[in-house]
């Protein structure tokens, strides 16, 4: 069974940035793009385990800070020519607050 957990108010997320949520031993990066869209995925690049939360956000992707792998927020898949996938999580914003489904 999945639960929605409160993360933080949206205005506490920097545009083009991320925050890390720790839940049940997992580190989950919650990102905000240039607008008010939020996305969540495991905070570990499939290539070498780099911290995606420290990557560069552009549109609906994040670039791993270690080796430049680009990961799509929508499905967690690496963009070609790279290969790999990261687990993603549903997120929503209600009344200005970000919630994560775990």
C-alpha atoms as a PDB file:
ATOM      1  CA  UNK A   1       0.000   0.000   0.000  1.00  0.00           C
ATOM      2  CA  UNK A   2       1.322   3.441  -0.940  1.00  0.00           C
ATOM      3  CA  UNK A   3       1.175   6.518   1.217  1.00  0.00           C
ATOM      4  CA  UNK A   4       1.532  10.200   0.440  1.00  0.00           C
ATOM      5  CA  UNK A   5       4.000  11.993   2.696  1.00  0.00           C
ATOM      6  CA  UNK A   6       4.329  15.741   3.100  1.00  0.00           C
ATOM      7  CA  UNK A   7       7.731  16.964   1.932  1.00  0.00           C
ATOM      8  CA  UNK A   8       7.759  20.773   2.195  1.00  0.00           C
ATOM      9  CA  UNK A   9       6.134  23.906   0.807  1.00  0.00           C
ATOM     10  CA  UNK A  10       6.869  24.373  -2.905  1.00  0.00           C
ATOM     11  CA  UNK A  11       8.460  27.764  -2.244  1.00  0.00           C
ATOM     12  CA  UNK A  12      11.183  26.002  -0.221  1.00  0.00           C
ATOM     13  CA  UNK A  13      12.351  24.206  -3.379  1.00  0.00           C
ATOM     14  CA  UNK A  14      14.758  26.289  -5.438  1.00  0.00           C
ATOM     15  CA  UNK A  15      13.866  26.567  -9.098  1.00  0.00           C
ATOM     16  CA  UNK A  16      16.144  24.218 -11.064  1.00  0.00           C
ATOM     17  CA  UNK A  17      17.140  22.549  -7.806  1.00  0.00           C
ATOM     18  CA  UNK A  18      16.380  19.620  -5.523  1.00  0.00           C
ATOM     19  CA  UNK A  19      15.953  18.454  -1.956  1.00  0.00           C
ATOM     20  CA  UNK A  20      16.650  14.972  -0.631  1.00  0.00           C
ATOM     21  CA  UNK A  21      14.010  13.042   1.295  1.00  0.00           C
ATOM     22  CA  UNK A  22      15.062  10.026   3.340  1.00  0.00           C
ATOM     23  CA  UNK A  23      12.375   7.372   3.689  1.00  0.00           C
ATOM     24  CA  UNK A  24      12.729   3.713   4.709  1.00  0.00           C
ATOM     25  CA  UNK A  25      16.475   3.760   4.111  1.00  0.00           C
ATOM     26  CA  UNK A  26      16.171   5.306   0.646  1.00  0.00           C
ATOM     27  CA  UNK A  27      17.365   8.700  -0.489  1.00  0.00           C
ATOM     28  CA  UNK A  28      14.856  10.250  -2.875  1.00  0.00           C
ATOM     29  CA  UNK A  29      15.647  13.439  -4.781  1.00  0.00           C
ATOM     30  CA  UNK A  30      12.681  15.766  -5.268  1.00  0.00           C
ATOM     31  CA  UNK A  31      13.329  18.260  -8.063  1.00  0.00           C
ATOM     32  CA  UNK A  32      11.698  21.477  -9.215  1.00  0.00           C
ATOM     33  CA  UNK A  33      12.105  22.713 -12.767  1.00  0.00           C
ATOM     34  CA  UNK A  34      12.051  26.376 -13.857  1.00  0.00           C
ATOM     35  CA  UNK A  35       8.305  26.505 -13.236  1.00  0.00           C
ATOM     36  CA  UNK A  36       6.216  24.857 -10.567  1.00  0.00           C
ATOM     37  CA  UNK A  37       6.582  21.258 -11.765  1.00  0.00           C
ATOM     38  CA  UNK A  38       8.086  18.766  -9.321  1.00  0.00           C
ATOM     39  CA  UNK A  39       9.547  15.316  -9.951  1.00  0.00           C
ATOM     40  CA  UNK A  40      11.032  12.609  -7.732  1.00  0.00           C
ATOM     41  CA  UNK A  41      13.490   9.783  -8.291  1.00  0.00           C
ATOM     42  CA  UNK A  42      16.089   7.787  -6.427  1.00  0.00           C
ATOM     43  CA  UNK A  43      19.087   9.993  -5.694  1.00  0.00           C
ATOM     44  CA  UNK A  44      21.577   7.684  -7.377  1.00  0.00           C
ATOM     45  CA  UNK A  45      22.725   7.748 -10.997  1.00  0.00           C
ATOM     46  CA  UNK A  46      22.520   4.310 -12.658  1.00  0.00           C
ATOM     47  CA  UNK A  47      26.025   4.752 -14.100  1.00  0.00           C
ATOM     48  CA  UNK A  48      28.226   5.214 -11.021  1.00  0.00           C
ATOM     49  CA  UNK A  49      25.805   6.105  -8.235  1.00  0.00           C
ATOM     50  CA  UNK A  50      26.377   9.856  -8.402  1.00  0.00           C
ATOM     51  CA  UNK A  51      24.041  12.114  -6.389  1.00  0.00           C
ATOM     52  CA  UNK A  52      21.418  13.255  -8.891  1.00  0.00           C
ATOM     53  CA  UNK A  53      20.185  15.856  -6.390  1.00  0.00           C
ATOM     54  CA  UNK A  54      23.432  17.734  -7.051  1.00  0.00           C
ATOM     55  CA  UNK A  55      22.965  17.610 -10.818  1.00  0.00           C
ATOM     56  CA  UNK A  56      21.892  20.280 -13.276  1.00  0.00           C
ATOM     57  CA  UNK A  57      18.151  20.510 -13.949  1.00  0.00           C
ATOM     58  CA  UNK A  58      17.119  21.471 -17.469  1.00  0.00           C
ATOM     59  CA  UNK A  59      13.504  21.162 -18.576  1.00  0.00           C
ATOM     60  CA  UNK A  60      12.361  17.668 -17.618  1.00  0.00           C
ATOM     61  CA  UNK A  61      15.837  16.195 -17.179  1.00  0.00           C
ATOM     62  CA  UNK A  62      18.687  16.173 -14.694  1.00  0.00           C
ATOM     63  CA  UNK A  63      22.360  15.768 -15.594  1.00  0.00           C
ATOM     64  CA  UNK A  64      24.453  13.672 -13.221  1.00  0.00           C
ATOM     65  CA  UNK A  65      27.247  15.800 -11.724  1.00  0.00           C
ATOM     66  CA  UNK A  66      29.827  13.012 -12.014  1.00  0.00           C
ATOM     67  CA  UNK A  67      29.789  11.938 -15.650  1.00  0.00           C
ATOM     68  CA  UNK A  68      27.094  13.941 -17.429  1.00  0.00           C
ATOM     69  CA  UNK A  69      24.459  11.230 -17.868  1.00  0.00           C
ATOM     70  CA  UNK A  70      21.067  12.814 -18.609  1.00  0.00           C
ATOM     71  CA  UNK A  71      18.036  11.283 -16.876  1.00  0.00           C
ATOM     72  CA  UNK A  72      14.427  12.021 -17.839  1.00  0.00           C
ATOM     73  CA  UNK A  73      12.138  12.932 -14.932  1.00  0.00           C
ATOM     74  CA  UNK A  74       9.082  11.418 -16.615  1.00  0.00           C
ATOM     75  CA  UNK A  75      10.260   7.798 -16.670  1.00  0.00           C
ATOM     76  CA  UNK A  76      13.704   7.762 -15.029  1.00  0.00           C
ATOM     77  CA  UNK A  77      15.393   6.544 -18.213  1.00  0.00           C
ATOM     78  CA  UNK A  78      18.773   7.755 -19.399  1.00  0.00           C
ATOM     79  CA  UNK A  79      18.697   9.690 -22.645  1.00  0.00           C
ATOM     80  CA  UNK A  80      20.527   8.184 -25.637  1.00  0.00           C
ATOM     81  CA  UNK A  81      23.295   7.343 -26.152  1.00  0.00           C
ATOM     82  CA  UNK A  82      23.438   6.477 -22.439  1.00  0.00           C
ATOM     83  CA  UNK A  83      21.568   3.516 -20.981  1.00  0.00           C
ATOM     84  CA  UNK A  84      20.099   2.890 -17.566  1.00  0.00           C
ATOM     85  CA  UNK A  85      17.081   3.715 -15.458  1.00  0.00           C
ATOM     86  CA  UNK A  86      16.325   5.245 -12.063  1.00  0.00           C
ATOM     87  CA  UNK A  87      13.233   4.541  -9.976  1.00  0.00           C
ATOM     88  CA  UNK A  88      10.720   7.398 -10.017  1.00  0.00           C
ATOM     89  CA  UNK A  89       7.960   8.365  -7.599  1.00  0.00           C
ATOM     90  CA  UNK A  90       4.644  10.179  -8.037  1.00  0.00           C
ATOM     91  CA  UNK A  91       4.584  13.703  -6.628  1.00  0.00           C
ATOM     92  CA  UNK A  92       1.874  16.318  -6.361  1.00  0.00           C
ATOM     93  CA  UNK A  93       1.433  19.868  -5.152  1.00  0.00           C
ATOM     94  CA  UNK A  94      -1.657  20.665  -3.108  1.00  0.00           C
ATOM     95  CA  UNK A  95      -2.284  24.130  -1.690  1.00  0.00           C
ATOM     96  CA  UNK A  96       1.379  25.013  -2.250  1.00  0.00           C
ATOM     97  CA  UNK A  97       2.758  21.918  -0.481  1.00  0.00           C
ATOM     98  CA  UNK A  98       4.732  19.111  -2.158  1.00  0.00           C
ATOM     99  CA  UNK A  99       3.691  15.514  -1.410  1.00  0.00           C
ATOM    100  CA  UNK A 100       5.571  12.338  -2.364  1.00  0.00           C
ATOM    101  CA  UNK A 101       3.998   8.913  -2.819  1.00  0.00           C
ATOM    102  CA  UNK A 102       6.095   6.147  -1.264  1.00  0.00           C
END
